[in-house]
Amino acid sequence: MKELELSLNDNEWALDYIDHDRIIARAIVFDDDGMLYFVRAERDDEFGKAVLIETSGGGVEEGESLETAILRELREELGAEAEVVCRLGVVSDYYNLIHRHNINNYFLCRAVSFGERKLTAEENNEFHLSVLRLTFDEAEAEYERCRCSKVGRLIAEREVPVLKLARKISGNEST
């Protein structure tokens, strides 16, 4: 199946300038029961106050491969040991408010086991990250619910196409 290649603009905040790129590894994670795992973030920062759903993932560290980065992020944010099933594609998007271009590399991963999460202080104290276990339909509904904020719309625009591709690959398409 063809990988997703999507380029999105930030239509929520005015573009003054972009001064840095961030390479990010993200994953749609499923278990053997077909359930999906996401993070819920409770934000109150320059993007505003919002409670959001987002795929697990984060910045790729220097010298780290994309695959190594996503497996590390899944351990940290979900407490999941996982295996990469396939690469889903790349979504390029912008956060004009913080002058950043994001290059999001998405993977489909199967959770093998769960243990203790290893959140950073920022993830724990500022974003209050928690784990969501959802069906495809519940995840789509949650992204729709989060579109009420500017940052929620940016995240949904980026992630819903990836979720739909993962659904198609899994053979779990809605009727």
C-alpha atoms as a PDB file:
ATOM      1  CA  MET A   1       0.000   0.000   0.000  1.00  0.00           C
ATOM      2  CA  LYS A   2       1.231   3.496  -0.837  1.00  0.00           C
ATOM      3  CA  GLU A   3       2.564   5.569   2.057  1.00  0.00           C
ATOM      4  CA  LEU A   4       0.760   8.760   2.982  1.00  0.00           C
ATOM      5  CA  GLU A   5       2.452  12.010   1.964  1.00  0.00           C
ATOM      6  CA  LEU A   6       0.604  15.045   3.251  1.00  0.00           C
ATOM      7  CA  SER A   7       1.620  18.681   3.524  1.00  0.00           C
ATOM      8  CA  LEU A   8      -0.531  20.952   5.689  1.00  0.00           C
ATOM      9  CA  ASN A   9      -0.490  24.650   6.503  1.00  0.00           C
ATOM     10  CA  ASP A  10      -1.407  26.242   9.815  1.00  0.00           C
ATOM     11  CA  ASN A  11      -4.571  28.244   9.122  1.00  0.00           C
ATOM     12  CA  GLU A  12      -5.190  28.939  12.815  1.00  0.00           C
ATOM     13  CA  TRP A  13      -2.377  31.426  13.514  1.00  0.00           C
ATOM     14  CA  ALA A  14      -0.739  34.003  11.251  1.00  0.00           C
ATOM     15  CA  LEU A  15       2.571  33.067   9.674  1.00  0.00           C
ATOM     16  CA  ASP A  16       5.342  35.479  10.638  1.00  0.00           C
ATOM     17  CA  TYR A  17       8.310  33.192  10.017  1.00  0.00           C
ATOM     18  CA  ILE A  18       9.474  29.620  10.518  1.00  0.00           C
ATOM     19  CA  ASP A  19      12.862  29.307  12.175  1.00  0.00           C
ATOM     20  CA  HIS A  20      13.239  25.579  12.788  1.00  0.00           C
ATOM     21  CA  ASP A  21      12.255  22.097  11.696  1.00  0.00           C
ATOM     22  CA  ARG A  22      11.465  19.274  14.103  1.00  0.00           C
ATOM     23  CA  ILE A  23      11.796  15.657  12.973  1.00  0.00           C
ATOM     24  CA  ILE A  24       9.157  13.634  14.815  1.00  0.00           C
ATOM     25  CA  ALA A  25       8.337   9.902  15.029  1.00  0.00           C
ATOM     26  CA  ARG A  26       4.685   9.052  15.781  1.00  0.00           C
ATOM     27  CA  ALA A  27       2.644   5.852  15.819  1.00  0.00           C
ATOM     28  CA  ILE A  28      -0.804   4.422  15.561  1.00  0.00           C
ATOM     29  CA  VAL A  29      -0.487   1.644  18.163  1.00  0.00           C
ATOM     30  CA  PHE A  30      -2.796  -1.370  18.354  1.00  0.00           C
ATOM     31  CA  ASP A  31      -2.988  -4.464  20.520  1.00  0.00           C
ATOM     32  CA  ASP A  32      -4.008  -8.038  19.725  1.00  0.00           C
ATOM     33  CA  ASP A  33      -7.626  -7.168  20.589  1.00  0.00           C
ATOM     34  CA  GLY A  34      -7.657  -4.449  17.890  1.00  0.00           C
ATOM     35  CA  MET A  35      -7.726  -1.604  20.420  1.00  0.00           C
ATOM     36  CA  LEU A  36      -5.731   1.565  19.737  1.00  0.00           C
ATOM     37  CA  TYR A  37      -3.579   3.573  22.150  1.00  0.00           C
ATOM     38  CA  PHE A  38      -3.221   7.357  22.205  1.00  0.00           C
ATOM     39  CA  VAL A  39      -2.156  10.014  24.660  1.00  0.00           C
ATOM     40  CA  ARG A  40      -4.466  12.600  26.132  1.00  0.00           C
ATOM     41  CA  ALA A  41      -2.820  15.952  26.817  1.00  0.00           C
ATOM     42  CA  GLU A  42      -4.275  18.670  29.009  1.00  0.00           C
ATOM     43  CA  ARG A  43      -2.689  21.884  27.750  1.00  0.00           C
ATOM     44  CA  ASP A  44      -2.724  25.387  29.157  1.00  0.00           C
ATOM     45  CA  ASP A  45       0.068  27.156  27.300  1.00  0.00           C
ATOM     46  CA  GLU A  46       0.692  29.553  24.408  1.00  0.00           C
ATOM     47  CA  PHE A  47      -1.658  27.423  22.270  1.00  0.00           C
ATOM     48  CA  GLY A  48      -4.473  27.973  24.776  1.00  0.00           C
ATOM     49  CA  LYS A  49      -6.352  25.746  27.189  1.00  0.00           C
ATOM     50  CA  ALA A  50      -7.387  22.422  25.661  1.00  0.00           C
ATOM     51  CA  VAL A  51      -7.780  18.704  26.327  1.00  0.00           C
ATOM     52  CA  LEU A  52      -6.590  16.769  23.291  1.00  0.00           C
ATOM     53  CA  ILE A  53      -6.034  13.337  21.807  1.00  0.00           C
ATOM     54  CA  GLU A  54      -2.755  12.711  20.008  1.00  0.00           C
ATOM     55  CA  THR A  55      -0.723   9.795  18.736  1.00  0.00           C
ATOM     56  CA  SER A  56       2.200   8.839  20.889  1.00  0.00           C
ATOM     57  CA  GLY A  57       5.496  10.154  19.642  1.00  0.00           C
ATOM     58  CA  GLY A  58       8.034  12.915  19.819  1.00  0.00           C
ATOM     59  CA  GLY A  59      11.267  14.373  18.623  1.00  0.00           C
ATOM     60  CA  VAL A  60      13.961  12.201  17.129  1.00  0.00           C
ATOM     61  CA  GLU A  61      17.208  12.580  19.067  1.00  0.00           C
ATOM     62  CA  GLU A  62      20.530  13.172  17.311  1.00  0.00           C
ATOM     63  CA  GLY A  63      21.956   9.931  15.941  1.00  0.00           C
ATOM     64  CA  GLU A  64      18.685   8.050  16.508  1.00  0.00           C
ATOM     65  CA  SER A  65      16.850   6.247  13.694  1.00  0.00           C
ATOM     66  CA  LEU A  66      13.127   6.881  13.219  1.00  0.00           C
ATOM     67  CA  GLU A  67      12.339   3.307  14.270  1.00  0.00           C
ATOM     68  CA  THR A  68      14.465   3.555  17.418  1.00  0.00           C
ATOM     69  CA  ALA A  69      12.842   6.901  18.244  1.00  0.00           C
ATOM     70  CA  ILE A  70       9.270   5.626  17.952  1.00  0.00           C
ATOM     71  CA  LEU A  71       9.964   2.552  20.068  1.00  0.00           C
ATOM     72  CA  ARG A  72      11.568   4.778  22.745  1.00  0.00           C
ATOM     73  CA  GLU A  73       8.624   7.198  22.659  1.00  0.00           C
ATOM     74  CA  LEU A  74       6.111   4.346  23.013  1.00  0.00           C
ATOM     75  CA  ARG A  75       7.964   3.062  26.094  1.00  0.00           C
ATOM     76  CA  GLU A  76       8.086   6.554  27.585  1.00  0.00           C
ATOM     77  CA  GLU A  77       4.528   7.750  26.877  1.00  0.00           C
ATOM     78  CA  LEU A  78       2.496   4.527  26.838  1.00  0.00           C
ATOM     79  CA  GLY A  79       4.732   2.134  28.779  1.00  0.00           C
ATOM     80  CA  ALA A  80       4.506  -0.095  25.694  1.00  0.00           C
ATOM     81  CA  GLU A  81       7.035  -2.495  24.288  1.00  0.00           C
ATOM     82  CA  ALA A  82       6.081  -2.618  20.639  1.00  0.00           C
ATOM     83  CA  GLU A  83       7.107  -3.765  17.210  1.00  0.00           C
ATOM     84  CA  VAL A  84       6.973  -1.693  14.039  1.00  0.00           C
ATOM     85  CA  VAL A  85       4.546  -3.284  11.581  1.00  0.00           C
ATOM     86  CA  CYS A  86       5.017  -0.786   8.760  1.00  0.00           C
ATOM     87  CA  ARG A  87       5.688   2.822   7.942  1.00  0.00           C
ATOM     88  CA  LEU A  88       2.482   4.788   7.248  1.00  0.00           C
ATOM     89  CA  GLY A  89       4.029   7.916   5.767  1.00  0.00           C
ATOM     90  CA  VAL A  90       4.989  11.519   6.425  1.00  0.00           C
ATOM     91  CA  VAL A  91       2.843  14.502   7.343  1.00  0.00           C
ATOM     92  CA  SER A  92       4.532  17.883   7.086  1.00  0.00           C
ATOM     93  CA  ASP A  93       2.751  20.575   9.092  1.00  0.00           C
ATOM     94  CA  TYR A  94       3.409  23.889  10.764  1.00  0.00           C
ATOM     95  CA  TYR A  95       2.903  25.480  14.148  1.00  0.00           C
ATOM     96  CA  ASN A  96       3.074  29.144  13.132  1.00  0.00           C
ATOM     97  CA  LEU A  97       2.623  30.294  16.721  1.00  0.00           C
ATOM     98  CA  ILE A  98       5.982  28.802  17.729  1.00  0.00           C
ATOM     99  CA  HIS A  99       7.607  29.272  14.291  1.00  0.00           C
ATOM    100  CA  ARG A 100       8.079  25.532  13.738  1.00  0.00           C
ATOM    101  CA  HIS A 101       7.846  23.151  10.793  1.00  0.00           C
ATOM    102  CA  ASN A 102       7.063  19.575  11.883  1.00  0.00           C
ATOM    103  CA  ILE A 103       8.072  16.552   9.828  1.00  0.00           C
ATOM    104  CA  ASN A 104       5.924  13.786  11.339  1.00  0.00           C
ATOM    105  CA  ASN A 105       7.006  10.249  10.404  1.00  0.00           C
ATOM    106  CA  TYR A 106       4.156   7.856  11.165  1.00  0.00           C
ATOM    107  CA  PHE A 107       4.346   4.132  11.855  1.00  0.00           C
ATOM    108  CA  LEU A 108       1.828   1.400  12.557  1.00  0.00           C
ATOM    109  CA  CYS A 109       3.003  -0.487  15.654  1.00  0.00           C
ATOM    110  CA  ARG A 110       1.727  -3.526  17.544  1.00  0.00           C
ATOM    111  CA  ALA A 111       1.963  -3.367  21.318  1.00  0.00           C
ATOM    112  CA  VAL A 112       3.583  -6.516  22.698  1.00  0.00           C
ATOM    113  CA  SER A 113       3.369  -5.641  26.403  1.00  0.00           C
ATOM    114  CA  PHE A 114       2.772  -2.743  28.771  1.00  0.00           C
ATOM    115  CA  GLY A 115       4.741  -1.603  31.781  1.00  0.00           C
ATOM    116  CA  GLU A 116       5.671   1.594  33.559  1.00  0.00           C
ATOM    117  CA  ARG A 117       5.618   4.860  31.620  1.00  0.00           C
ATOM    118  CA  LYS A 118       8.696   7.099  31.753  1.00  0.00           C
ATOM    119  CA  LEU A 119       7.343  10.604  31.187  1.00  0.00           C
ATOM    120  CA  THR A 120       9.486  13.713  31.167  1.00  0.00           C
ATOM    121  CA  ALA A 121       8.775  16.401  33.765  1.00  0.00           C
ATOM    122  CA  GLU A 122       7.135  18.521  31.051  1.00  0.00           C
ATOM    123  CA  GLU A 123       4.883  15.658  29.897  1.00  0.00           C
ATOM    124  CA  ASN A 124       3.892  14.962  33.507  1.00  0.00           C
ATOM    125  CA  ASN A 125       3.564  18.475  34.931  1.00  0.00           C
ATOM    126  CA  GLU A 126       2.624  20.655  31.966  1.00  0.00           C
ATOM    127  CA  PHE A 127       0.686  18.325  29.655  1.00  0.00           C
ATOM    128  CA  HIS A 128      -0.622  15.802  32.233  1.00  0.00           C
ATOM    129  CA  LEU A 129      -0.300  12.996  29.668  1.00  0.00           C
ATOM    130  CA  SER A 130      -2.515   9.990  30.165  1.00  0.00           C
ATOM    131  CA  VAL A 131      -3.202   6.919  28.028  1.00  0.00           C
ATOM    132  CA  LEU A 132      -6.380   6.414  25.998  1.00  0.00           C
ATOM    133  CA  ARG A 133      -7.441   2.934  24.802  1.00  0.00           C
ATOM    134  CA  LEU A 134     -10.003   3.330  22.012  1.00  0.00           C
ATOM    135  CA  THR A 135     -11.599   1.654  19.015  1.00  0.00           C
ATOM    136  CA  PHE A 136     -11.178   3.261  15.586  1.00  0.00           C
ATOM    137  CA  ASP A 137     -14.677   4.781  15.837  1.00  0.00           C
ATOM    138  CA  GLU A 138     -14.011   6.146  19.333  1.00  0.00           C
ATOM    139  CA  ALA A 139     -10.700   7.642  18.197  1.00  0.00           C
ATOM    140  CA  GLU A 140     -12.317   9.389  15.224  1.00  0.00           C
ATOM    141  CA  ALA A 141     -15.037  10.756  17.510  1.00  0.00           C
ATOM    142  CA  GLU A 142     -12.430  11.987  20.006  1.00  0.00           C
ATOM    143  CA  TYR A 143     -10.489  13.837  17.281  1.00  0.00           C
ATOM    144  CA  GLU A 144     -13.759  15.426  16.172  1.00  0.00           C
ATOM    145  CA  ARG A 145     -14.557  16.488  19.740  1.00  0.00           C
ATOM    146  CA  CYS A 146     -11.138  18.124  20.058  1.00  0.00           C
ATOM    147  CA  ARG A 147     -11.649  20.314  16.961  1.00  0.00           C
ATOM    148  CA  CYS A 148     -13.198  22.996  19.196  1.00  0.00           C
ATOM    149  CA  SER A 149      -9.748  24.511  19.859  1.00  0.00           C
ATOM    150  CA  LYS A 150      -7.227  25.889  17.375  1.00  0.00           C
ATOM    151  CA  VAL A 151      -4.528  23.405  18.348  1.00  0.00           C
ATOM    152  CA  GLY A 152      -7.112  20.594  18.347  1.00  0.00           C
ATOM    153  CA  ARG A 153      -7.961  21.420  14.738  1.00  0.00           C
ATOM    154  CA  LEU A 154      -4.265  21.381  13.765  1.00  0.00           C
ATOM    155  CA  ILE A 155      -3.739  17.989  15.397  1.00  0.00           C
ATOM    156  CA  ALA A 156      -6.920  16.476  13.917  1.00  0.00           C
ATOM    157  CA  GLU A 157      -6.025  17.678  10.407  1.00  0.00           C
ATOM    158  CA  ARG A 158      -2.646  15.961  10.777  1.00  0.00           C
ATOM    159  CA  GLU A 159      -3.739  12.735  12.440  1.00  0.00           C
ATOM    160  CA  VAL A 160      -7.173  11.758  11.119  1.00  0.00           C
ATOM    161  CA  PRO A 161      -5.827  10.919   7.605  1.00  0.00           C
ATOM    162  CA  VAL A 162      -3.166   8.700   9.235  1.00  0.00           C
ATOM    163  CA  LEU A 163      -5.808   7.021  11.416  1.00  0.00           C
ATOM    164  CA  LYS A 164      -7.930   6.331   8.312  1.00  0.00           C
ATOM    165  CA  LEU A 165      -4.944   4.794   6.510  1.00  0.00           C
ATOM    166  CA  ALA A 166      -4.187   2.597   9.536  1.00  0.00           C
ATOM    167  CA  ARG A 167      -7.826   1.529   9.584  1.00  0.00           C
ATOM    168  CA  LYS A 168      -7.662   0.591   5.902  1.00  0.00           C
ATOM    169  CA  ILE A 169      -4.411  -1.371   6.357  1.00  0.00           C
ATOM    170  CA  SER A 170      -5.882  -3.227   9.343  1.00  0.00           C
ATOM    171  CA  GLY A 171      -8.985  -4.201   7.369  1.00  0.00           C
ATOM    172  CA  ASN A 172     -11.139  -2.529  10.024  1.00  0.00           C
ATOM    173  CA  GLU A 173     -12.901  -0.106   7.689  1.00  0.00           C
ATOM    174  CA  SER A 174     -16.263   1.212   8.819  1.00  0.00           C
ATOM    175  CA  THR A 175     -19.311   0.296   6.810  1.00  0.00           C
END
